[in-house]
């Protein structure tokens, strides 16, 4: 991958952020609730880091959705 951000990662991150904000969660709230690192969530939301399949499943369940819905039409 190039040093630039991958559009898919950026779009997925934006979708995760939108769903997090809709739940009125800060990144810290989400991190505590899901047992993830806040910095990791930040990096995923900004497209700096790729979410592994297990992390994506944890995030999807925590946001009351599915992995397929998070990835739909990206």
PDB file of N, CA and C in Angstrom:
ATOM      1  N   UNK A   1       0.856  -1.181   0.000  1.00  0.00           N
ATOM      2  CA  UNK A   1       0.000   0.000   0.000  1.00  0.00           C
ATOM      3  C   UNK A   1       0.893   1.232   0.000  1.00  0.00           C
ATOM      4  N   UNK A   2       0.443   2.260  -0.683  1.00  0.00           N
ATOM      5  CA  UNK A   2       1.210   3.503  -0.722  1.00  0.00           C
ATOM      6  C   UNK A   2       1.099   4.223   0.614  1.00  0.00           C
ATOM      7  N   UNK A   3       1.879   5.297   0.739  1.00  0.00           N
ATOM      8  CA  UNK A   3       1.858   6.053   1.992  1.00  0.00           C
ATOM      9  C   UNK A   3       0.577   6.857   2.151  1.00  0.00           C
ATOM     10  N   UNK A   4      -0.167   7.079   1.068  1.00  0.00           N
ATOM     11  CA  UNK A   4      -1.434   7.798   1.154  1.00  0.00           C
ATOM     12  C   UNK A   4      -2.510   6.921   1.771  1.00  0.00           C
ATOM     13  N   UNK A   5      -3.577   7.551   2.235  1.00  0.00           N
ATOM     14  CA  UNK A   5      -4.665   6.797   2.844  1.00  0.00           C
ATOM     15  C   UNK A   5      -5.466   6.083   1.758  1.00  0.00           C
ATOM     16  N   UNK A   6      -5.842   4.864   2.048  1.00  0.00           N
ATOM     17  CA  UNK A   6      -6.675   4.073   1.167  1.00  0.00           C
ATOM     18  C   UNK A   6      -8.119   4.552   1.302  1.00  0.00           C
ATOM     19  N   UNK A   7      -8.770   4.820   0.179  1.00  0.00           N
ATOM     20  CA  UNK A   7     -10.141   5.354   0.184  1.00  0.00           C
ATOM     21  C   UNK A   7     -11.100   4.438   0.945  1.00  0.00           C
ATOM     22  N   UNK A   8     -10.955   3.128   0.779  1.00  0.00           N
ATOM     23  CA  UNK A   8     -11.815   2.178   1.475  1.00  0.00           C
ATOM     24  C   UNK A   8     -11.669   2.325   2.983  1.00  0.00           C
ATOM     25  N   UNK A   9     -10.428   2.448   3.454  1.00  0.00           N
ATOM     26  CA  UNK A   9     -10.203   2.594   4.894  1.00  0.00           C
ATOM     27  C   UNK A   9     -10.789   3.903   5.414  1.00  0.00           C
ATOM     28  N   UNK A  10     -10.643   4.962   4.640  1.00  0.00           N
ATOM     29  CA  UNK A  10     -11.188   6.265   5.046  1.00  0.00           C
ATOM     30  C   UNK A  10     -12.714   6.201   5.105  1.00  0.00           C
ATOM     31  N   UNK A  11     -13.327   5.624   4.070  1.00  0.00           N
ATOM     32  CA  UNK A  11     -14.791   5.536   4.027  1.00  0.00           C
ATOM     33  C   UNK A  11     -15.336   4.655   5.152  1.00  0.00           C
ATOM     34  N   UNK A  12     -14.670   3.533   5.401  1.00  0.00           N
ATOM     35  CA  UNK A  12     -15.098   2.666   6.492  1.00  0.00           C
ATOM     36  C   UNK A  12     -14.946   3.391   7.826  1.00  0.00           C
ATOM     37  N   UNK A  13     -13.856   4.072   8.013  1.00  0.00           N
ATOM     38  CA  UNK A  13     -13.643   4.828   9.237  1.00  0.00           C
ATOM     39  C   UNK A  13     -14.703   5.886   9.468  1.00  0.00           C
ATOM     40  N   UNK A  14     -15.091   6.568   8.403  1.00  0.00           N
ATOM     41  CA  UNK A  14     -16.144   7.585   8.513  1.00  0.00           C
ATOM     42  C   UNK A  14     -17.470   6.946   8.905  1.00  0.00           C
ATOM     43  N   UNK A  15     -17.747   5.787   8.339  1.00  0.00           N
ATOM     44  CA  UNK A  15     -18.996   5.090   8.654  1.00  0.00           C
ATOM     45  C   UNK A  15     -19.004   4.654  10.120  1.00  0.00           C
ATOM     46  N   UNK A  16     -17.886   4.144  10.594  1.00  0.00           N
ATOM     47  CA  UNK A  16     -17.786   3.742  12.000  1.00  0.00           C
ATOM     48  C   UNK A  16     -17.970   4.960  12.900  1.00  0.00           C
ATOM     49  N   UNK A  17     -17.310   6.061  12.553  1.00  0.00           N
ATOM     50  CA  UNK A  17     -17.429   7.283  13.350  1.00  0.00           C
ATOM     51  C   UNK A  17     -18.879   7.770  13.399  1.00  0.00           C
ATOM     52  N   UNK A  18     -19.565   7.768  12.257  1.00  0.00           N
ATOM     53  CA  UNK A  18     -20.962   8.218  12.211  1.00  0.00           C
ATOM     54  C   UNK A  18     -21.837   7.386  13.140  1.00  0.00           C
ATOM     55  N   UNK A  19     -21.633   6.079  13.112  1.00  0.00           N
ATOM     56  CA  UNK A  19     -22.439   5.198  13.974  1.00  0.00           C
ATOM     57  C   UNK A  19     -22.080   5.396  15.451  1.00  0.00           C
ATOM     58  N   UNK A  20     -20.803   5.625  15.723  1.00  0.00           N
ATOM     59  CA  UNK A  20     -20.385   5.892  17.109  1.00  0.00           C
ATOM     60  C   UNK A  20     -21.026   7.168  17.620  1.00  0.00           C
ATOM     61  N   UNK A  21     -20.974   8.221  16.819  1.00  0.00           N
ATOM     62  CA  UNK A  21     -21.544   9.513  17.209  1.00  0.00           C
ATOM     63  C   UNK A  21     -23.063   9.402  17.385  1.00  0.00           C
ATOM     64  N   UNK A  22     -23.706   8.601  16.533  1.00  0.00           N
ATOM     65  CA  UNK A  22     -25.155   8.406  16.652  1.00  0.00           C
ATOM     66  C   UNK A  22     -25.529   7.758  17.988  1.00  0.00           C
ATOM     67  N   UNK A  23     -24.605   6.994  18.561  1.00  0.00           N
ATOM     68  CA  UNK A  23     -24.832   6.387  19.883  1.00  0.00           C
ATOM     69  C   UNK A  23     -24.431   7.343  21.016  1.00  0.00           C
ATOM     70  N   UNK A  24     -23.995   8.545  20.642  1.00  0.00           N
ATOM     71  CA  UNK A  24     -23.530   9.542  21.616  1.00  0.00           C
ATOM     72  C   UNK A  24     -22.337   9.043  22.416  1.00  0.00           C
ATOM     73  N   UNK A  25     -21.461   8.297  21.754  1.00  0.00           N
ATOM     74  CA  UNK A  25     -20.242   7.801  22.374  1.00  0.00           C
ATOM     75  C   UNK A  25     -19.056   8.636  21.942  1.00  0.00           C
ATOM     76  N   UNK A  26     -18.178   8.908  22.867  1.00  0.00           N
ATOM     77  CA  UNK A  26     -16.857   9.423  22.513  1.00  0.00           C
ATOM     78  C   UNK A  26     -16.016   8.212  22.116  1.00  0.00           C
ATOM     79  N   UNK A  27     -14.840   8.468  21.573  1.00  0.00           N
ATOM     80  CA  UNK A  27     -13.948   7.353  21.276  1.00  0.00           C
ATOM     81  C   UNK A  27     -13.580   6.614  22.563  1.00  0.00           C
ATOM     82  N   UNK A  28     -13.438   7.347  23.641  1.00  0.00           N
ATOM     83  CA  UNK A  28     -13.117   6.726  24.924  1.00  0.00           C
ATOM     84  C   UNK A  28     -14.263   5.840  25.398  1.00  0.00           C
ATOM     85  N   UNK A  29     -15.498   6.330  25.276  1.00  0.00           N
ATOM     86  CA  UNK A  29     -16.667   5.514  25.643  1.00  0.00           C
ATOM     87  C   UNK A  29     -16.662   4.205  24.857  1.00  0.00           C
ATOM     88  N   UNK A  30     -16.440   4.316  23.557  1.00  0.00           N
ATOM     89  CA  UNK A  30     -16.448   3.138  22.697  1.00  0.00           C
ATOM     90  C   UNK A  30     -15.322   2.182  23.079  1.00  0.00           C
ATOM     91  N   UNK A  31     -14.156   2.726  23.336  1.00  0.00           N
ATOM     92  CA  UNK A  31     -13.007   1.901  23.705  1.00  0.00           C
ATOM     93  C   UNK A  31     -13.282   1.112  24.982  1.00  0.00           C
ATOM     94  N   UNK A  32     -13.844   1.781  25.974  1.00  0.00           N
ATOM     95  CA  UNK A  32     -14.140   1.119  27.245  1.00  0.00           C
ATOM     96  C   UNK A  32     -15.206   0.047  27.040  1.00  0.00           C
ATOM     97  N   UNK A  33     -16.268   0.387  26.340  1.00  0.00           N
ATOM     98  CA  UNK A  33     -17.377  -0.539  26.131  1.00  0.00           C
ATOM     99  C   UNK A  33     -16.948  -1.782  25.345  1.00  0.00           C
ATOM    100  N   UNK A  34     -16.081  -1.582  24.342  1.00  0.00           N
ATOM    101  CA  UNK A  34     -15.677  -2.692  23.474  1.00  0.00           C
ATOM    102  C   UNK A  34     -14.376  -3.352  23.898  1.00  0.00           C
ATOM    103  N   UNK A  35     -13.681  -2.774  24.858  1.00  0.00           N
ATOM    104  CA  UNK A  35     -12.419  -3.349  25.298  1.00  0.00           C
ATOM    105  C   UNK A  35     -11.298  -3.149  24.287  1.00  0.00           C
ATOM    106  N   UNK A  36     -11.365  -2.037  23.567  1.00  0.00           N
ATOM    107  CA  UNK A  36     -10.339  -1.697  22.580  1.00  0.00           C
ATOM    108  C   UNK A  36      -9.562  -0.475  23.047  1.00  0.00           C
ATOM    109  N   UNK A  37      -8.448  -0.209  22.405  1.00  0.00           N
ATOM    110  CA  UNK A  37      -7.634   0.962  22.706  1.00  0.00           C
ATOM    111  C   UNK A  37      -8.206   2.177  21.974  1.00  0.00           C
ATOM    112  N   UNK A  38      -8.344   3.311  22.675  1.00  0.00           N
ATOM    113  CA  UNK A  38      -8.905   4.511  22.064  1.00  0.00           C
ATOM    114  C   UNK A  38      -8.087   4.966  20.865  1.00  0.00           C
ATOM    115  N   UNK A  39      -6.780   4.892  20.956  1.00  0.00           N
ATOM    116  CA  UNK A  39      -5.925   5.276  19.838  1.00  0.00           C
ATOM    117  C   UNK A  39      -6.146   4.404  18.621  1.00  0.00           C
ATOM    118  N   UNK A  40      -6.390   3.127  18.854  1.00  0.00           N
ATOM    119  CA  UNK A  40      -6.678   2.201  17.753  1.00  0.00           C
ATOM    120  C   UNK A  40      -7.972   2.608  17.057  1.00  0.00           C
ATOM    121  N   UNK A  41      -8.990   2.939  17.834  1.00  0.00           N
ATOM    122  CA  UNK A  41     -10.264   3.387  17.265  1.00  0.00           C
ATOM    123  C   UNK A  41     -10.054   4.660  16.461  1.00  0.00           C
ATOM    124  N   UNK A  42      -9.298   5.596  17.001  1.00  0.00           N
ATOM    125  CA  UNK A  42      -9.006   6.837  16.290  1.00  0.00           C
ATOM    126  C   UNK A  42      -8.328   6.560  14.953  1.00  0.00           C
ATOM    127  N   UNK A  43      -7.343   5.679  14.971  1.00  0.00           N
ATOM    128  CA  UNK A  43      -6.624   5.351  13.733  1.00  0.00           C
ATOM    129  C   UNK A  43      -7.535   4.677  12.711  1.00  0.00           C
ATOM    130  N   UNK A  44      -8.448   3.833  13.159  1.00  0.00           N
ATOM    131  CA  UNK A  44      -9.401   3.190  12.246  1.00  0.00           C
ATOM    132  C   UNK A  44     -10.334   4.241  11.665  1.00  0.00           C
ATOM    133  N   UNK A  45     -10.855   5.122  12.509  1.00  0.00           N
ATOM    134  CA  UNK A  45     -11.800   6.142  12.040  1.00  0.00           C
ATOM    135  C   UNK A  45     -11.178   7.119  11.055  1.00  0.00           C
ATOM    136  N   UNK A  46      -9.904   7.363  11.162  1.00  0.00           N
ATOM    137  CA  UNK A  46      -9.244   8.303  10.251  1.00  0.00           C
ATOM    138  C   UNK A  46      -8.596   7.614   9.054  1.00  0.00           C
ATOM    139  N   UNK A  47      -8.732   6.292   8.980  1.00  0.00           N
ATOM    140  CA  UNK A  47      -8.180   5.559   7.854  1.00  0.00           C
ATOM    141  C   UNK A  47      -6.683   5.326   7.927  1.00  0.00           C
ATOM    142  N   UNK A  48      -6.099   5.555   9.090  1.00  0.00           N
ATOM    143  CA  UNK A  48      -4.660   5.355   9.264  1.00  0.00           C
ATOM    144  C   UNK A  48      -4.313   3.899   9.542  1.00  0.00           C
ATOM    145  N   UNK A  49      -5.294   3.141   9.999  1.00  0.00           N
ATOM    146  CA  UNK A  49      -5.052   1.746  10.375  1.00  0.00           C
ATOM    147  C   UNK A  49      -6.186   0.883   9.859  1.00  0.00           C
ATOM    148  N   UNK A  50      -5.818  -0.278   9.404  1.00  0.00           N
ATOM    149  CA  UNK A  50      -6.793  -1.250   8.925  1.00  0.00           C
ATOM    150  C   UNK A  50      -7.328  -2.037  10.119  1.00  0.00           C
ATOM    151  N   UNK A  51      -8.639  -2.216  10.166  1.00  0.00           N
ATOM    152  CA  UNK A  51      -9.251  -3.023  11.225  1.00  0.00           C
ATOM    153  C   UNK A  51      -9.199  -4.483  10.807  1.00  0.00           C
ATOM    154  N   UNK A  52      -8.655  -5.320  11.646  1.00  0.00           N
ATOM    155  CA  UNK A  52      -8.668  -6.754  11.381  1.00  0.00           C
ATOM    156  C   UNK A  52     -10.092  -7.282  11.480  1.00  0.00           C
ATOM    157  N   UNK A  53     -10.289  -8.483  11.002  1.00  0.00           N
ATOM    158  CA  UNK A  53     -11.636  -9.042  10.951  1.00  0.00           C
ATOM    159  C   UNK A  53     -12.250  -9.194  12.345  1.00  0.00           C
ATOM    160  N   UNK A  54     -11.459  -9.582  13.330  1.00  0.00           N
ATOM    161  CA  UNK A  54     -11.983  -9.739  14.695  1.00  0.00           C
ATOM    162  C   UNK A  54     -12.345  -8.375  15.273  1.00  0.00           C
ATOM    163  N   UNK A  55     -11.490  -7.381  15.081  1.00  0.00           N
ATOM    164  CA  UNK A  55     -11.771  -6.026  15.568  1.00  0.00           C
ATOM    165  C   UNK A  55     -13.007  -5.465  14.881  1.00  0.00           C
ATOM    166  N   UNK A  56     -13.127  -5.684  13.587  1.00  0.00           N
ATOM    167  CA  UNK A  56     -14.296  -5.187  12.856  1.00  0.00           C
ATOM    168  C   UNK A  56     -15.573  -5.838  13.379  1.00  0.00           C
ATOM    169  N   UNK A  57     -15.505  -7.114  13.705  1.00  0.00           N
ATOM    170  CA  UNK A  57     -16.676  -7.799  14.262  1.00  0.00           C
ATOM    171  C   UNK A  57     -17.036  -7.225  15.632  1.00  0.00           C
ATOM    172  N   UNK A  58     -16.043  -6.971  16.465  1.00  0.00           N
ATOM    173  CA  UNK A  58     -16.285  -6.375  17.785  1.00  0.00           C
ATOM    174  C   UNK A  58     -16.936  -5.002  17.627  1.00  0.00           C
ATOM    175  N   UNK A  59     -16.406  -4.198  16.714  1.00  0.00           N
ATOM    176  CA  UNK A  59     -16.949  -2.856  16.481  1.00  0.00           C
ATOM    177  C   UNK A  59     -18.385  -2.947  15.967  1.00  0.00           C
ATOM    178  N   UNK A  60     -18.620  -3.813  14.998  1.00  0.00           N
ATOM    179  CA  UNK A  60     -19.968  -3.949  14.428  1.00  0.00           C
ATOM    180  C   UNK A  60     -20.978  -4.338  15.507  1.00  0.00           C
ATOM    181  N   UNK A  61     -20.644  -5.331  16.295  1.00  0.00           N
ATOM    182  CA  UNK A  61     -21.571  -5.762  17.359  1.00  0.00           C
ATOM    183  C   UNK A  61     -21.813  -4.646  18.367  1.00  0.00           C
ATOM    184  N   UNK A  62     -20.751  -3.933  18.731  1.00  0.00           N
ATOM    185  CA  UNK A  62     -20.888  -2.831  19.679  1.00  0.00           C
ATOM    186  C   UNK A  62     -21.741  -1.696  19.149  1.00  0.00           C
ATOM    187  N   UNK A  63     -21.733  -1.534  17.829  1.00  0.00           N
ATOM    188  CA  UNK A  63     -22.521  -0.475  17.200  1.00  0.00           C
ATOM    189  C   UNK A  63     -23.894  -0.978  16.746  1.00  0.00           C
ATOM    190  N   UNK A  64     -24.263  -2.168  17.203  1.00  0.00           N
ATOM    191  CA  UNK A  64     -25.568  -2.764  16.892  1.00  0.00           C
ATOM    192  C   UNK A  64     -25.806  -2.917  15.397  1.00  0.00           C
ATOM    193  N   UNK A  65     -24.785  -3.403  14.707  1.00  0.00           N
ATOM    194  CA  UNK A  65     -24.906  -3.635  13.277  1.00  0.00           C
ATOM    195  C   UNK A  65     -24.106  -4.884  12.931  1.00  0.00           C
ATOM    196  N   UNK A  66     -23.918  -5.116  11.659  1.00  0.00           N
ATOM    197  CA  UNK A  66     -23.134  -6.261  11.198  1.00  0.00           C
ATOM    198  C   UNK A  66     -21.938  -5.764  10.414  1.00  0.00           C
ATOM    199  N   UNK A  67     -20.962  -6.643  10.241  1.00  0.00           N
ATOM    200  CA  UNK A  67     -19.799  -6.282   9.419  1.00  0.00           C
ATOM    201  C   UNK A  67     -20.253  -5.985   7.991  1.00  0.00           C
ATOM    202  N   UNK A  68     -21.185  -6.768   7.482  1.00  0.00           N
ATOM    203  CA  UNK A  68     -21.637  -6.549   6.096  1.00  0.00           C
ATOM    204  C   UNK A  68     -22.289  -5.184   5.935  1.00  0.00           C
ATOM    205  N   UNK A  69     -23.037  -4.740   6.945  1.00  0.00           N
ATOM    206  CA  UNK A  69     -23.648  -3.400   6.872  1.00  0.00           C
ATOM    207  C   UNK A  69     -22.577  -2.306   6.922  1.00  0.00           C
ATOM    208  N   UNK A  70     -21.547  -2.510   7.726  1.00  0.00           N
ATOM    209  CA  UNK A  70     -20.477  -1.514   7.782  1.00  0.00           C
ATOM    210  C   UNK A  70     -19.747  -1.411   6.442  1.00  0.00           C
ATOM    211  N   UNK A  71     -19.629  -2.533   5.743  1.00  0.00           N
ATOM    212  CA  UNK A  71     -18.870  -2.570   4.486  1.00  0.00           C
ATOM    213  C   UNK A  71     -19.738  -2.355   3.247  1.00  0.00           C
ATOM    214  N   UNK A  72     -21.038  -2.349   3.418  1.00  0.00           N
ATOM    215  CA  UNK A  72     -21.964  -2.256   2.294  1.00  0.00           C
ATOM    216  C   UNK A  72     -21.712  -1.007   1.437  1.00  0.00           C
ATOM    217  N   UNK A  73     -21.585  -1.234   0.156  1.00  0.00           N
ATOM    218  CA  UNK A  73     -21.444  -0.163  -0.848  1.00  0.00           C
ATOM    219  C   UNK A  73     -20.180   0.680  -0.701  1.00  0.00           C
ATOM    220  N   UNK A  74     -19.167   0.139  -0.057  1.00  0.00           N
ATOM    221  CA  UNK A  74     -17.905   0.876   0.018  1.00  0.00           C
ATOM    222  C   UNK A  74     -17.123   0.485  -1.194  1.00  0.00           C
TER     223      UNK A  74
END
